Structures are given as structure tokens and as C-alpha cells.
Amino acid sequence: MNPFAQTILFQVKPDKLTEFETLIRQAQAEQKRLEGCISAEYMKRFYTFDNVESCEAPRELTKIVKCVKYYGFFRFDTIESCGRTVGWLFENYAKEIMKLLIMPFDVMSGYLL
């Protein structure tokens, strides 16, 4: 069976970036130790493509408009491990994370191909 994956989009308030990054690094260190969690990675969006068809490198973002987007990408050995880890994240960090966002985070889940 293919690993189960989950991606979470966080739209962070511009004045809360340091708090968010500190909190998410702490959560990440703990997540990686949870049973069934293959990987837990986070990415801050720094670049965008102006014209993908031209095969040019992405352009660095130069200003913040409304929020800064962060993405969490997680791989699990089973869908049940995903459920346990997400439950753990909500139980331990959701309240603190939500205070730093402009809107609730968006979660997408599915099996890897």
C-alpha cells in the first residue's frame, strides 16, 4: 500500500512570522518522533512563477500582500497514523497556531501515487 500524505496550508499574519516559525519548528521536532510519521516538512513560500511555459526560474517574492503562506507536507505509513498525528497536532498546537493565521488552515489528504 502507498504511504498516506497530507498537505496543510497556513496563511500567517505578516506580524506573526517569527512566532509561527518558532512554534512550527517545535511541533515539527515532536511530529517526526510520532509513531507512523515518515516525514514532517514545512516550507515558507518565497518564490512564484510568472510564466511557467517559458522555463524561467521562479521569481522571488518582494512584498507581503495580506499574509505569508507556509505549507506543511507530511507522509505517514498508514491513514490511521495520519489520524493520530493530526489529532495530536490539534490537541497540542491548534489553538496557538490559529491565533497567528488570517483564516483556518486548509488540509488536503490522500494516498501517494
C-alpha atoms as a PDB file:
ATOM      1  CA  MET A   1       0.000   0.000   0.000  1.00  0.00           C
ATOM      2  CA  ASN A   2       1.216   3.508  -0.781  1.00  0.00           C
ATOM      3  CA  PRO A   3       2.037   5.901   2.051  1.00  0.00           C
ATOM      4  CA  PHE A   4      -0.665   8.333   3.104  1.00  0.00           C
ATOM      5  CA  ALA A   5       0.163  12.033   2.745  1.00  0.00           C
ATOM      6  CA  GLN A   6      -1.221  15.299   3.963  1.00  0.00           C
ATOM      7  CA  THR A   7      -0.566  18.920   2.992  1.00  0.00           C
ATOM      8  CA  ILE A   8      -1.636  21.841   5.165  1.00  0.00           C
ATOM      9  CA  LEU A   9      -1.731  25.470   4.020  1.00  0.00           C
ATOM     10  CA  PHE A  10      -1.136  28.085   6.718  1.00  0.00           C
ATOM     11  CA  GLN A  11      -1.817  31.759   5.877  1.00  0.00           C
ATOM     12  CA  VAL A  12       0.143  33.606   8.541  1.00  0.00           C
ATOM     13  CA  LYS A  13      -0.377  37.209   9.620  1.00  0.00           C
ATOM     14  CA  PRO A  14       2.630  39.307   8.498  1.00  0.00           C
ATOM     15  CA  ASP A  15       3.390  40.470  12.042  1.00  0.00           C
ATOM     16  CA  LYS A  16       3.348  36.906  13.421  1.00  0.00           C
ATOM     17  CA  LEU A  17       6.014  35.205  11.265  1.00  0.00           C
ATOM     18  CA  THR A  18       8.645  34.753  13.968  1.00  0.00           C
ATOM     19  CA  GLU A  19       6.098  33.352  16.424  1.00  0.00           C
ATOM     20  CA  PHE A  20       4.732  30.970  13.788  1.00  0.00           C
ATOM     21  CA  GLU A  21       8.159  29.701  12.726  1.00  0.00           C
ATOM     22  CA  THR A  22       9.240  29.139  16.330  1.00  0.00           C
ATOM     23  CA  LEU A  23       6.046  27.261  17.143  1.00  0.00           C
ATOM     24  CA  ILE A  24       6.061  25.176  13.965  1.00  0.00           C
ATOM     25  CA  ARG A  25       9.711  24.150  14.432  1.00  0.00           C
ATOM     26  CA  GLN A  26       8.838  22.903  17.910  1.00  0.00           C
ATOM     27  CA  ALA A  27       5.823  20.977  16.585  1.00  0.00           C
ATOM     28  CA  GLN A  28       7.875  19.554  13.708  1.00  0.00           C
ATOM     29  CA  ALA A  29      10.545  18.150  16.027  1.00  0.00           C
ATOM     30  CA  GLU A  30       7.850  16.387  18.027  1.00  0.00           C
ATOM     31  CA  GLN A  31       5.878  15.242  14.959  1.00  0.00           C
ATOM     32  CA  LYS A  32       8.898  13.476  13.473  1.00  0.00           C
ATOM     33  CA  ARG A  33       9.084  11.269  16.577  1.00  0.00           C
ATOM     34  CA  LEU A  34       5.444  10.152  16.441  1.00  0.00           C
ATOM     35  CA  GLU A  35       4.802   6.532  15.517  1.00  0.00           C
ATOM     36  CA  GLY A  36       3.932   6.111  11.843  1.00  0.00           C
ATOM     37  CA  CYS A  37       5.152   9.545  10.775  1.00  0.00           C
ATOM     38  CA  ILE A  38       7.615   9.031   7.913  1.00  0.00           C
ATOM     39  CA  SER A  39       8.346  12.736   7.415  1.00  0.00           C
ATOM     40  CA  ALA A  40       7.134  16.157   8.541  1.00  0.00           C
ATOM     41  CA  GLU A  41       8.363  19.090   6.478  1.00  0.00           C
ATOM     42  CA  TYR A  42       7.392  22.757   6.339  1.00  0.00           C
ATOM     43  CA  MET A  43       8.024  25.298   3.602  1.00  0.00           C
ATOM     44  CA  LYS A  44       7.702  29.076   3.540  1.00  0.00           C
ATOM     45  CA  ARG A  45       6.622  30.385   0.148  1.00  0.00           C
ATOM     46  CA  PHE A  46       9.454  32.611  -1.126  1.00  0.00           C
ATOM     47  CA  TYR A  47       9.033  32.345  -4.904  1.00  0.00           C
ATOM     48  CA  THR A  48       6.418  32.416  -7.649  1.00  0.00           C
ATOM     49  CA  PHE A  49       6.374  31.637 -11.353  1.00  0.00           C
ATOM     50  CA  ASP A  50       5.423  34.473 -13.672  1.00  0.00           C
ATOM     51  CA  ASN A  51       5.453  32.317 -16.784  1.00  0.00           C
ATOM     52  CA  VAL A  52       5.888  28.571 -16.303  1.00  0.00           C
ATOM     53  CA  GLU A  53       5.833  27.895 -20.053  1.00  0.00           C
ATOM     54  CA  SER A  54       8.988  29.963 -20.623  1.00  0.00           C
ATOM     55  CA  CYS A  55      11.072  27.571 -18.464  1.00  0.00           C
ATOM     56  CA  GLU A  56      12.463  30.505 -16.488  1.00  0.00           C
ATOM     57  CA  ALA A  57      13.424  30.183 -12.856  1.00  0.00           C
ATOM     58  CA  PRO A  58      10.822  31.339 -10.342  1.00  0.00           C
ATOM     59  CA  ARG A  59      10.877  34.965  -9.223  1.00  0.00           C
ATOM     60  CA  GLU A  60      11.481  35.856  -5.575  1.00  0.00           C
ATOM     61  CA  LEU A  61       8.521  37.463  -3.823  1.00  0.00           C
ATOM     62  CA  THR A  62       9.353  41.026  -2.782  1.00  0.00           C
ATOM     63  CA  LYS A  63       6.379  42.191  -0.728  1.00  0.00           C
ATOM     64  CA  ILE A  64       3.743  40.762   1.564  1.00  0.00           C
ATOM     65  CA  VAL A  65       0.147  41.162   0.471  1.00  0.00           C
ATOM     66  CA  LYS A  66      -2.279  40.149   3.254  1.00  0.00           C
ATOM     67  CA  CYS A  67      -0.370  37.078   4.535  1.00  0.00           C
ATOM     68  CA  VAL A  68       2.657  34.813   4.185  1.00  0.00           C
ATOM     69  CA  LYS A  69       1.908  31.254   3.075  1.00  0.00           C
ATOM     70  CA  TYR A  70       3.510  28.257   4.686  1.00  0.00           C
ATOM     71  CA  TYR A  71       2.903  24.658   3.695  1.00  0.00           C
ATOM     72  CA  GLY A  72       3.274  21.560   5.815  1.00  0.00           C
ATOM     73  CA  PHE A  73       3.840  18.263   3.989  1.00  0.00           C
ATOM     74  CA  PHE A  74       3.585  15.012   5.917  1.00  0.00           C
ATOM     75  CA  ARG A  75       3.981  11.354   4.997  1.00  0.00           C
ATOM     76  CA  PHE A  76       2.597   8.508   7.083  1.00  0.00           C
ATOM     77  CA  ASP A  77       2.817   4.738   6.896  1.00  0.00           C
ATOM     78  CA  THR A  78      -0.991   4.420   7.180  1.00  0.00           C
ATOM     79  CA  ILE A  79      -4.132   6.537   7.154  1.00  0.00           C
ATOM     80  CA  GLU A  80      -4.575   5.671  10.846  1.00  0.00           C
ATOM     81  CA  SER A  81      -1.132   7.135  11.662  1.00  0.00           C
ATOM     82  CA  CYS A  82      -2.220  10.313   9.876  1.00  0.00           C
ATOM     83  CA  GLY A  83      -5.347  10.494  12.021  1.00  0.00           C
ATOM     84  CA  ARG A  84      -3.360  10.075  15.239  1.00  0.00           C
ATOM     85  CA  THR A  85      -0.792  12.709  14.224  1.00  0.00           C
ATOM     86  CA  VAL A  86      -3.410  15.241  13.132  1.00  0.00           C
ATOM     87  CA  GLY A  87      -5.282  14.654  16.386  1.00  0.00           C
ATOM     88  CA  TRP A  88      -2.045  15.213  18.278  1.00  0.00           C
ATOM     89  CA  LEU A  89      -1.340  18.454  16.356  1.00  0.00           C
ATOM     90  CA  PHE A  90      -4.837  19.804  17.052  1.00  0.00           C
ATOM     91  CA  GLU A  91      -4.691  18.823  20.699  1.00  0.00           C
ATOM     92  CA  ASN A  92      -1.264  20.351  21.317  1.00  0.00           C
ATOM     93  CA  TYR A  93      -0.855  23.242  18.875  1.00  0.00           C
ATOM     94  CA  ALA A  94      -4.056  24.236  17.035  1.00  0.00           C
ATOM     95  CA  LYS A  95      -5.163  26.913  19.490  1.00  0.00           C
ATOM     96  CA  GLU A  96      -1.763  28.659  19.408  1.00  0.00           C
ATOM     97  CA  ILE A  97      -1.415  28.305  15.620  1.00  0.00           C
ATOM     98  CA  MET A  98      -4.902  29.645  14.912  1.00  0.00           C
ATOM     99  CA  LYS A  99      -4.070  32.922  16.690  1.00  0.00           C
ATOM    100  CA  LEU A 100      -1.302  33.523  14.136  1.00  0.00           C
ATOM    101  CA  LEU A 101      -3.383  32.920  10.991  1.00  0.00           C
ATOM    102  CA  ILE A 102      -5.692  35.132   8.948  1.00  0.00           C
ATOM    103  CA  MET A 103      -8.063  32.164   8.448  1.00  0.00           C
ATOM    104  CA  PRO A 104      -8.262  28.484   9.480  1.00  0.00           C
ATOM    105  CA  PHE A 105      -5.663  26.279   7.853  1.00  0.00           C
ATOM    106  CA  ASP A 106      -6.617  24.212   4.811  1.00  0.00           C
ATOM    107  CA  VAL A 107      -5.934  20.446   4.904  1.00  0.00           C
ATOM    108  CA  MET A 108      -5.606  18.120   1.888  1.00  0.00           C
ATOM    109  CA  SER A 109      -5.011  14.389   2.302  1.00  0.00           C
ATOM    110  CA  GLY A 110      -4.606  11.325   0.123  1.00  0.00           C
ATOM    111  CA  TYR A 111      -2.510   8.330  -0.839  1.00  0.00           C
ATOM    112  CA  LEU A 112       0.748   8.960  -2.710  1.00  0.00           C
ATOM    113  CA  LEU A 113       0.924   7.620  -6.231  1.00  0.00           C
END
